Amino acid sequence: RVTALVMGTSDLTKDLHARHTRDRVPLLMSLELCVLA
């Protein structure tokens, strides 16, 4: 029944203690892991 994974980038950025950047480099690994899965 699981048909989609949806990134929650705002909460994830906070939990990672990362910074919001225009290029989103701090989130690239997470974004790619989502697509891979």
PDB file of all heavy atoms in Angstrom:
ATOM      1  N   ARG A   1       0.818  -1.217   0.000  1.00  0.00           N
ATOM      2  CA  ARG A   1       0.000   0.000   0.000  1.00  0.00           C
ATOM      3  C   ARG A   1       0.852   1.268   0.000  1.00  0.00           C
ATOM      4  O   ARG A   1       0.344   2.355  -0.282  1.00  0.00           O
ATOM      5  CB  ARG A   1      -0.914   0.021   1.217  1.00  0.00           C
ATOM      6  CG  ARG A   1      -2.116  -0.921   1.125  1.00  0.00           C
ATOM      7  CD  ARG A   1      -2.980  -0.715   2.349  1.00  0.00           C
ATOM      8  NE  ARG A   1      -4.113  -1.602   2.410  1.00  0.00           N
ATOM      9  CZ  ARG A   1      -5.384  -1.227   2.241  1.00  0.00           C
ATOM     10  NH1 ARG A   1      -5.656   0.037   1.969  1.00  0.00           N
ATOM     11  NH2 ARG A   1      -6.368  -2.092   2.350  1.00  0.00           N
ATOM     12  N   VAL A   2       2.115   1.176   0.360  1.00  0.00           N
ATOM     13  CA  VAL A   2       2.993   2.349   0.337  1.00  0.00           C
ATOM     14  C   VAL A   2       3.326   2.656  -1.121  1.00  0.00           C
ATOM     15  O   VAL A   2       3.976   1.852  -1.794  1.00  0.00           O
ATOM     16  CB  VAL A   2       4.272   2.114   1.150  1.00  0.00           C
ATOM     17  CG1 VAL A   2       5.205   3.327   1.034  1.00  0.00           C
ATOM     18  CG2 VAL A   2       3.949   1.852   2.614  1.00  0.00           C
ATOM     19  N   THR A   3       2.890   3.813  -1.592  1.00  0.00           N
ATOM     20  CA  THR A   3       3.086   4.151  -3.004  1.00  0.00           C
ATOM     21  C   THR A   3       3.891   5.422  -3.229  1.00  0.00           C
ATOM     22  O   THR A   3       4.138   5.784  -4.382  1.00  0.00           O
ATOM     23  CB  THR A   3       1.728   4.290  -3.718  1.00  0.00           C
ATOM     24  OG1 THR A   3       0.956   5.303  -3.071  1.00  0.00           O
ATOM     25  CG2 THR A   3       0.976   2.969  -3.710  1.00  0.00           C
ATOM     26  N   ALA A   4       4.298   6.092  -2.151  1.00  0.00           N
ATOM     27  CA  ALA A   4       5.091   7.314  -2.324  1.00  0.00           C
ATOM     28  C   ALA A   4       5.864   7.626  -1.048  1.00  0.00           C
ATOM     29  O   ALA A   4       5.376   7.396   0.065  1.00  0.00           O
ATOM     30  CB  ALA A   4       4.204   8.503  -2.691  1.00  0.00           C
ATOM     31  N   LEU A   5       7.073   8.143  -1.245  1.00  0.00           N
ATOM     32  CA  LEU A   5       7.868   8.717  -0.165  1.00  0.00           C
ATOM     33  C   LEU A   5       7.904  10.227  -0.389  1.00  0.00           C
ATOM     34  O   LEU A   5       8.108  10.695  -1.511  1.00  0.00           O
ATOM     35  CB  LEU A   5       9.297   8.173  -0.172  1.00  0.00           C
ATOM     36  CG  LEU A   5       9.469   6.675   0.064  1.00  0.00           C
ATOM     37  CD1 LEU A   5      10.958   6.311   0.034  1.00  0.00           C
ATOM     38  CD2 LEU A   5       8.834   6.232   1.370  1.00  0.00           C
ATOM     39  N   VAL A   6       7.694  10.977   0.688  1.00  0.00           N
ATOM     40  CA  VAL A   6       7.623  12.436   0.602  1.00  0.00           C
ATOM     41  C   VAL A   6       8.660  13.035   1.543  1.00  0.00           C
ATOM     42  O   VAL A   6       8.654  12.757   2.744  1.00  0.00           O
ATOM     43  CB  VAL A   6       6.216  12.944   0.995  1.00  0.00           C
ATOM     44  CG1 VAL A   6       6.143  14.461   0.846  1.00  0.00           C
ATOM     45  CG2 VAL A   6       5.139  12.260   0.164  1.00  0.00           C
ATOM     46  N   MET A   7       9.539  13.854   0.995  1.00  0.00           N
ATOM     47  CA  MET A   7      10.562  14.492   1.822  1.00  0.00           C
ATOM     48  C   MET A   7       9.957  15.605   2.677  1.00  0.00           C
ATOM     49  O   MET A   7       9.189  16.431   2.195  1.00  0.00           O
ATOM     50  CB  MET A   7      11.661  15.087   0.949  1.00  0.00           C
ATOM     51  CG  MET A   7      12.602  14.070   0.333  1.00  0.00           C
ATOM     52  SD  MET A   7      13.580  13.146   1.556  1.00  0.00           S
ATOM     53  CE  MET A   7      14.444  14.454   2.400  1.00  0.00           C
ATOM     54  N   GLY A   8      10.333  15.604   3.967  1.00  0.00           N
ATOM     55  CA  GLY A   8       9.987  16.708   4.855  1.00  0.00           C
ATOM     56  C   GLY A   8      11.257  17.480   5.143  1.00  0.00           C
ATOM     57  O   GLY A   8      11.892  17.307   6.193  1.00  0.00           O
ATOM     58  N   THR A   9      11.647  18.331   4.208  1.00  0.00           N
ATOM     59  CA  THR A   9      12.970  18.953   4.256  1.00  0.00           C
ATOM     60  C   THR A   9      13.121  19.975   5.379  1.00  0.00           C
ATOM     61  O   THR A   9      14.227  20.171   5.887  1.00  0.00           O
ATOM     62  CB  THR A   9      13.288  19.617   2.907  1.00  0.00           C
ATOM     63  OG1 THR A   9      12.161  20.389   2.475  1.00  0.00           O
ATOM     64  CG2 THR A   9      13.582  18.557   1.850  1.00  0.00           C
ATOM     65  N   SER A  10      12.032  20.618   5.773  1.00  0.00           N
ATOM     66  CA  SER A  10      12.144  21.640   6.822  1.00  0.00           C
ATOM     67  C   SER A  10      12.487  21.013   8.167  1.00  0.00           C
ATOM     68  O   SER A  10      13.442  21.423   8.837  1.00  0.00           O
ATOM     69  CB  SER A  10      10.840  22.432   6.923  1.00  0.00           C
ATOM     70  OG  SER A  10      10.555  23.090   5.708  1.00  0.00           O
ATOM     71  N   ASP A  11      11.704  20.017   8.578  1.00  0.00           N
ATOM     72  CA  ASP A  11      11.977  19.343   9.845  1.00  0.00           C
ATOM     73  C   ASP A  11      13.319  18.623   9.808  1.00  0.00           C
ATOM     74  O   ASP A  11      14.051  18.596  10.801  1.00  0.00           O
ATOM     75  CB  ASP A  11      10.870  18.345  10.173  1.00  0.00           C
ATOM     76  CG  ASP A  11       9.615  19.026  10.695  1.00  0.00           C
ATOM     77  OD1 ASP A  11       9.750  20.034  11.411  1.00  0.00           O
ATOM     78  OD2 ASP A  11       8.510  18.569  10.391  1.00  0.00           O
ATOM     79  N   LEU A  12      13.636  18.027   8.661  1.00  0.00           N
ATOM     80  CA  LEU A  12      14.900  17.305   8.552  1.00  0.00           C
ATOM     81  C   LEU A  12      16.089  18.244   8.716  1.00  0.00           C
ATOM     82  O   LEU A  12      17.057  17.916   9.422  1.00  0.00           O
ATOM     83  CB  LEU A  12      14.977  16.594   7.201  1.00  0.00           C
ATOM     84  CG  LEU A  12      16.246  15.780   6.955  1.00  0.00           C
ATOM     85  CD1 LEU A  12      16.407  14.671   7.984  1.00  0.00           C
ATOM     86  CD2 LEU A  12      16.235  15.199   5.542  1.00  0.00           C
ATOM     87  N   THR A  13      16.019  19.400   8.092  1.00  0.00           N
ATOM     88  CA  THR A  13      17.103  20.378   8.224  1.00  0.00           C
ATOM     89  C   THR A  13      17.306  20.756   9.692  1.00  0.00           C
ATOM     90  O   THR A  13      18.442  20.843  10.170  1.00  0.00           O
ATOM     91  CB  THR A  13      16.800  21.627   7.383  1.00  0.00           C
ATOM     92  OG1 THR A  13      16.686  21.257   6.008  1.00  0.00           O
ATOM     93  CG2 THR A  13      17.921  22.660   7.520  1.00  0.00           C
ATOM     94  N   LYS A  14      16.209  20.968  10.390  1.00  0.00           N
ATOM     95  CA  LYS A  14      16.297  21.305  11.816  1.00  0.00           C
ATOM     96  C   LYS A  14      16.954  20.170  12.607  1.00  0.00           C
ATOM     97  O   LYS A  14      17.860  20.401  13.412  1.00  0.00           O
ATOM     98  CB  LYS A  14      14.903  21.587  12.367  1.00  0.00           C
ATOM     99  CG  LYS A  14      14.856  21.802  13.889  1.00  0.00           C
ATOM    100  CD  LYS A  14      13.443  21.985  14.383  1.00  0.00           C
ATOM    101  CE  LYS A  14      12.628  20.707  14.289  1.00  0.00           C
ATOM    102  NZ  LYS A  14      13.069  19.670  15.250  1.00  0.00           N
ATOM    103  N   ASP A  15      16.499  18.941  12.382  1.00  0.00           N
ATOM    104  CA  ASP A  15      17.026  17.811  13.142  1.00  0.00           C
ATOM    105  C   ASP A  15      18.490  17.522  12.831  1.00  0.00           C
ATOM    106  O   ASP A  15      19.226  16.998  13.675  1.00  0.00           O
ATOM    107  CB  ASP A  15      16.198  16.554  12.865  1.00  0.00           C
ATOM    108  CG  ASP A  15      14.860  16.574  13.588  1.00  0.00           C
ATOM    109  OD1 ASP A  15      14.586  17.563  14.304  1.00  0.00           O
ATOM    110  OD2 ASP A  15      14.084  15.607  13.435  1.00  0.00           O
ATOM    111  N   LEU A  16      18.902  17.853  11.610  1.00  0.00           N
ATOM    112  CA  LEU A  16      20.305  17.653  11.228  1.00  0.00           C
ATOM    113  C   LEU A  16      21.217  18.748  11.766  1.00  0.00           C
ATOM    114  O   LEU A  16      22.434  18.638  11.683  1.00  0.00           O
ATOM    115  CB  LEU A  16      20.428  17.615   9.696  1.00  0.00           C
ATOM    116  CG  LEU A  16      19.827  16.408   8.977  1.00  0.00           C
ATOM    117  CD1 LEU A  16      19.899  16.611   7.467  1.00  0.00           C
ATOM    118  CD2 LEU A  16      20.550  15.128   9.371  1.00  0.00           C
ATOM    119  N   HIS A  17      20.620  19.802  12.328  1.00  0.00           N
ATOM    120  CA  HIS A  17      21.371  21.001  12.724  1.00  0.00           C
ATOM    121  C   HIS A  17      22.090  21.589  11.509  1.00  0.00           C
ATOM    122  O   HIS A  17      23.182  22.149  11.627  1.00  0.00           O
ATOM    123  CB  HIS A  17      22.384  20.684  13.836  1.00  0.00           C
ATOM    124  CG  HIS A  17      21.777  20.114  15.067  1.00  0.00           C
ATOM    125  ND1 HIS A  17      22.529  19.559  16.083  1.00  0.00           N
ATOM    126  CD2 HIS A  17      20.480  19.976  15.466  1.00  0.00           C
ATOM    127  CE1 HIS A  17      21.731  19.110  17.039  1.00  0.00           C
ATOM    128  NE2 HIS A  17      20.478  19.357  16.684  1.00  0.00           N
ATOM    129  N   ALA A  18      21.450  21.435  10.354  1.00  0.00           N
ATOM    130  CA  ALA A  18      22.033  21.917   9.104  1.00  0.00           C
ATOM    131  C   ALA A  18      21.552  23.337   8.830  1.00  0.00           C
ATOM    132  O   ALA A  18      20.679  23.876   9.521  1.00  0.00           O
ATOM    133  CB  ALA A  18      21.637  21.000   7.958  1.00  0.00           C
ATOM    134  N   ARG A  19      22.111  23.945   7.808  1.00  0.00           N
ATOM    135  CA  ARG A  19      21.735  25.293   7.411  1.00  0.00           C
ATOM    136  C   ARG A  19      20.907  25.252   6.136  1.00  0.00           C
ATOM    137  O   ARG A  19      21.107  24.388   5.279  1.00  0.00           O
ATOM    138  CB  ARG A  19      22.988  26.150   7.189  1.00  0.00           C
ATOM    139  CG  ARG A  19      23.778  26.398   8.463  1.00  0.00           C
ATOM    140  CD  ARG A  19      25.051  27.177   8.193  1.00  0.00           C
ATOM    141  NE  ARG A  19      25.776  27.456   9.435  1.00  0.00           N
ATOM    142  CZ  ARG A  19      27.001  27.968   9.481  1.00  0.00           C
ATOM    143  NH1 ARG A  19      27.633  28.267   8.356  1.00  0.00           N
ATOM    144  NH2 ARG A  19      27.591  28.193  10.635  1.00  0.00           N
ATOM    145  N   HIS A  20      19.973  26.197   6.030  1.00  0.00           N
ATOM    146  CA  HIS A  20      19.192  26.335   4.807  1.00  0.00           C
ATOM    147  C   HIS A  20      20.047  27.072   3.778  1.00  0.00           C
ATOM    148  O   HIS A  20      20.389  28.240   3.961  1.00  0.00           O
ATOM    149  CB  HIS A  20      17.911  27.133   5.076  1.00  0.00           C
ATOM    150  CG  HIS A  20      16.909  26.392   5.903  1.00  0.00           C
ATOM    151  ND1 HIS A  20      16.031  25.477   5.357  1.00  0.00           N
ATOM    152  CD2 HIS A  20      16.649  26.425   7.233  1.00  0.00           C
ATOM    153  CE1 HIS A  20      15.262  24.975   6.319  1.00  0.00           C
ATOM    154  NE2 HIS A  20      15.615  25.527   7.465  1.00  0.00           N
ATOM    155  N   THR A  21      20.416  26.397   2.721  1.00  0.00           N
ATOM    156  CA  THR A  21      21.232  27.009   1.671  1.00  0.00           C
ATOM    157  C   THR A  21      20.514  26.894   0.333  1.00  0.00           C
ATOM    158  O   THR A  21      19.699  25.988   0.120  1.00  0.00           O
ATOM    159  CB  THR A  21      22.605  26.320   1.556  1.00  0.00           C
ATOM    160  OG1 THR A  21      22.420  24.953   1.158  1.00  0.00           O
ATOM    161  CG2 THR A  21      23.342  26.361   2.893  1.00  0.00           C
ATOM    162  N   ARG A  22      20.799  27.815  -0.571  1.00  0.00           N
ATOM    163  CA  ARG A  22      20.135  27.830  -1.874  1.00  0.00           C
ATOM    164  C   ARG A  22      20.415  26.538  -2.648  1.00  0.00           C
ATOM    165  O   ARG A  22      19.527  26.000  -3.320  1.00  0.00           O
ATOM    166  CB  ARG A  22      20.608  29.054  -2.679  1.00  0.00           C
ATOM    167  CG  ARG A  22      20.157  29.108  -4.134  1.00  0.00           C
ATOM    168  CD  ARG A  22      18.652  29.303  -4.273  1.00  0.00           C
ATOM    169  NE  ARG A  22      18.233  30.641  -3.888  1.00  0.00           N
ATOM    170  CZ  ARG A  22      18.147  31.663  -4.729  1.00  0.00           C
ATOM    171  NH1 ARG A  22      18.469  31.520  -5.995  1.00  0.00           N
ATOM    172  NH2 ARG A  22      17.719  32.836  -4.307  1.00  0.00           N
ATOM    173  N   ASP A  23      21.643  26.006  -2.538  1.00  0.00           N
ATOM    174  CA  ASP A  23      21.985  24.801  -3.304  1.00  0.00           C
ATOM    175  C   ASP A  23      21.563  23.502  -2.626  1.00  0.00           C
ATOM    176  O   ASP A  23      21.673  22.426  -3.195  1.00  0.00           O
ATOM    177  CB  ASP A  23      23.485  24.760  -3.604  1.00  0.00           C
ATOM    178  CG  ASP A  23      24.345  24.810  -2.356  1.00  0.00           C
ATOM    179  OD1 ASP A  23      23.837  24.575  -1.242  1.00  0.00           O
ATOM    180  OD2 ASP A  23      25.558  25.098  -2.490  1.00  0.00           O
ATOM    181  N   ARG A  24      21.116  23.585  -1.372  1.00  0.00           N
ATOM    182  CA  ARG A  24      20.634  22.437  -0.603  1.00  0.00           C
ATOM    183  C   ARG A  24      21.682  21.322  -0.449  1.00  0.00           C
ATOM    184  O   ARG A  24      21.329  20.159  -0.261  1.00  0.00           O
ATOM    185  CB  ARG A  24      19.349  21.881  -1.201  1.00  0.00           C
ATOM    186  CG  ARG A  24      18.204  22.878  -1.270  1.00  0.00           C
ATOM    187  CD  ARG A  24      16.869  22.206  -1.324  1.00  0.00           C
ATOM    188  NE  ARG A  24      16.696  21.398  -2.512  1.00  0.00           N
ATOM    189  CZ  ARG A  24      15.618  20.637  -2.749  1.00  0.00           C
ATOM    190  NH1 ARG A  24      14.648  20.585  -1.853  1.00  0.00           N
ATOM    191  NH2 ARG A  24      15.501  19.945  -3.855  1.00  0.00           N
ATOM    192  N   VAL A  25      22.932  21.700  -0.509  1.00  0.00           N
ATOM    193  CA  VAL A  25      23.998  20.704  -0.338  1.00  0.00           C
ATOM    194  C   VAL A  25      23.858  19.926   0.972  1.00  0.00           C
ATOM    195  O   VAL A  25      24.074  18.707   0.996  1.00  0.00           O
ATOM    196  CB  VAL A  25      25.384  21.380  -0.444  1.00  0.00           C
ATOM    197  CG1 VAL A  25      26.489  20.450   0.069  1.00  0.00           C
ATOM    198  CG2 VAL A  25      25.673  21.763  -1.891  1.00  0.00           C
ATOM    199  N   PRO A  26      23.474  20.561   2.099  1.00  0.00           N
ATOM    200  CA  PRO A  26      23.346  19.788   3.336  1.00  0.00           C
ATOM    201  C   PRO A  26      22.300  18.667   3.265  1.00  0.00           C
ATOM    202  O   PRO A  26      22.332  17.743   4.083  1.00  0.00           O
ATOM    203  CB  PRO A  26      22.919  20.845   4.367  1.00  0.00           C
ATOM    204  CG  PRO A  26      23.437  22.141   3.827  1.00  0.00           C
ATOM    205  CD  PRO A  26      23.263  22.013   2.351  1.00  0.00           C
ATOM    206  N   LEU A  27      21.392  18.736   2.295  1.00  0.00           N
ATOM    207  CA  LEU A  27      20.324  17.741   2.199  1.00  0.00           C
ATOM    208  C   LEU A  27      20.518  16.738   1.069  1.00  0.00           C
ATOM    209  O   LEU A  27      19.714  15.811   0.919  1.00  0.00           O
ATOM    210  CB  LEU A  27      18.978  18.444   1.979  1.00  0.00           C
ATOM    211  CG  LEU A  27      18.439  19.290   3.127  1.00  0.00           C
ATOM    212  CD1 LEU A  27      17.132  19.948   2.718  1.00  0.00           C
ATOM    213  CD2 LEU A  27      18.227  18.445   4.378  1.00  0.00           C
ATOM    214  N   LEU A  28      21.569  16.900   0.281  1.00  0.00           N
ATOM    215  CA  LEU A  28      21.702  16.080  -0.925  1.00  0.00           C
ATOM    216  C   LEU A  28      21.713  14.586  -0.630  1.00  0.00           C
ATOM    217  O   LEU A  28      21.047  13.797  -1.319  1.00  0.00           O
ATOM    218  CB  LEU A  28      22.960  16.474  -1.706  1.00  0.00           C
ATOM    219  CG  LEU A  28      22.838  17.735  -2.557  1.00  0.00           C
ATOM    220  CD1 LEU A  28      24.143  18.023  -3.283  1.00  0.00           C
ATOM    221  CD2 LEU A  28      21.692  17.590  -3.560  1.00  0.00           C
ATOM    222  N   MET A  29      22.454  14.168   0.378  1.00  0.00           N
ATOM    223  CA  MET A  29      22.490  12.734   0.675  1.00  0.00           C
ATOM    224  C   MET A  29      21.112  12.224   1.052  1.00  0.00           C
ATOM    225  O   MET A  29      20.681  11.151   0.596  1.00  0.00           O
ATOM    226  CB  MET A  29      23.479  12.429   1.798  1.00  0.00           C
ATOM    227  CG  MET A  29      23.525  10.952   2.174  1.00  0.00           C
ATOM    228  SD  MET A  29      24.748  10.568   3.433  1.00  0.00           S
ATOM    229  CE  MET A  29      26.260  10.771   2.493  1.00  0.00           C
ATOM    230  N   SER A  30      20.385  12.979   1.858  1.00  0.00           N
ATOM    231  CA  SER A  30      19.048  12.568   2.263  1.00  0.00           C
ATOM    232  C   SER A  30      18.097  12.510   1.068  1.00  0.00           C
ATOM    233  O   SER A  30      17.305  11.570   0.923  1.00  0.00           O
ATOM    234  CB  SER A  30      18.492  13.536   3.309  1.00  0.00           C
ATOM    235  OG  SER A  30      19.292  13.538   4.471  1.00  0.00           O
ATOM    236  N   LEU A  31      18.170  13.504   0.208  1.00  0.00           N
ATOM    237  CA  LEU A  31      17.328  13.519  -0.984  1.00  0.00           C
ATOM    238  C   LEU A  31      17.615  12.315  -1.871  1.00  0.00           C
ATOM    239  O   LEU A  31      16.692  11.647  -2.375  1.00  0.00           O
ATOM    240  CB  LEU A  31      17.554  14.813  -1.775  1.00  0.00           C
ATOM    241  CG  LEU A  31      17.107  16.115  -1.093  1.00  0.00           C
ATOM    242  CD1 LEU A  31      17.644  17.331  -1.856  1.00  0.00           C
ATOM    243  CD2 LEU A  31      15.584  16.189  -1.003  1.00  0.00           C
ATOM    244  N   GLU A  32      18.884  12.013  -2.046  1.00  0.00           N
ATOM    245  CA  GLU A  32      19.264  10.890  -2.898  1.00  0.00           C
ATOM    246  C   GLU A  32      18.864   9.552  -2.286  1.00  0.00           C
ATOM    247  O   GLU A  32      18.446   8.627  -2.996  1.00  0.00           O
ATOM    248  CB  GLU A  32      20.760  10.942  -3.181  1.00  0.00           C
ATOM    249  CG  GLU A  32      21.137  12.108  -4.087  1.00  0.00           C
ATOM    250  CD  GLU A  32      22.635  12.368  -4.155  1.00  0.00           C
ATOM    251  OE1 GLU A  32      23.365  11.866  -3.276  1.00  0.00           O
ATOM    252  OE2 GLU A  32      23.072  13.059  -5.090  1.00  0.00           O
ATOM    253  N   LEU A  33      18.961   9.436  -0.964  1.00  0.00           N
ATOM    254  CA  LEU A  33      18.536   8.196  -0.305  1.00  0.00           C
ATOM    255  C   LEU A  33      17.035   7.986  -0.478  1.00  0.00           C
ATOM    256  O   LEU A  33      16.577   6.848  -0.648  1.00  0.00           O
ATOM    257  CB  LEU A  33      18.901   8.230   1.178  1.00  0.00           C
ATOM    258  CG  LEU A  33      20.367   7.970   1.519  1.00  0.00           C
ATOM    259  CD1 LEU A  33      20.636   8.233   2.992  1.00  0.00           C
ATOM    260  CD2 LEU A  33      20.750   6.533   1.165  1.00  0.00           C
ATOM    261  N   CYS A  34      16.270   9.054  -0.442  1.00  0.00           N
ATOM    262  CA  CYS A  34      14.826   8.961  -0.659  1.00  0.00           C
ATOM    263  C   CYS A  34      14.530   8.441  -2.062  1.00  0.00           C
ATOM    264  O   CYS A  34      13.722   7.517  -2.241  1.00  0.00           O
ATOM    265  CB  CYS A  34      14.178  10.320  -0.441  1.00  0.00           C
ATOM    266  SG  CYS A  34      12.399  10.380  -0.802  1.00  0.00           S
ATOM    267  N   VAL A  35      15.185   9.018  -3.060  1.00  0.00           N
ATOM    268  CA  VAL A  35      14.968   8.583  -4.441  1.00  0.00           C
ATOM    269  C   VAL A  35      15.414   7.136  -4.629  1.00  0.00           C
ATOM    270  O   VAL A  35      14.717   6.330  -5.265  1.00  0.00           O
ATOM    271  CB  VAL A  35      15.700   9.508  -5.432  1.00  0.00           C
ATOM    272  CG1 VAL A  35      15.603   8.966  -6.850  1.00  0.00           C
ATOM    273  CG2 VAL A  35      15.108  10.914  -5.379  1.00  0.00           C
ATOM    274  N   LEU A  36      16.568   6.784  -4.066  1.00  0.00           N
ATOM    275  CA  LEU A  36      17.051   5.404  -4.187  1.00  0.00           C
ATOM    276  C   LEU A  36      16.051   4.411  -3.608  1.00  0.00           C
ATOM    277  O   LEU A  36      15.730   3.382  -4.224  1.00  0.00           O
ATOM    278  CB  LEU A  36      18.398   5.259  -3.468  1.00  0.00           C
ATOM    279  CG  LEU A  36      19.636   5.743  -4.219  1.00  0.00           C
ATOM    280  CD1 LEU A  36      20.828   5.816  -3.272  1.00  0.00           C
ATOM    281  CD2 LEU A  36      19.943   4.800  -5.382  1.00  0.00           C
ATOM    282  N   ALA A  37      15.541   4.715  -2.417  1.00  0.00           N
ATOM    283  CA  ALA A  37      14.586   3.814  -1.769  1.00  0.00           C
ATOM    284  C   ALA A  37      13.299   3.711  -2.586  1.00  0.00           C
ATOM    285  O   ALA A  37      12.746   2.619  -2.749  1.00  0.00           O
ATOM    286  CB  ALA A  37      14.284   4.299  -0.358  1.00  0.00           C
TER     287      ALA A  37
END
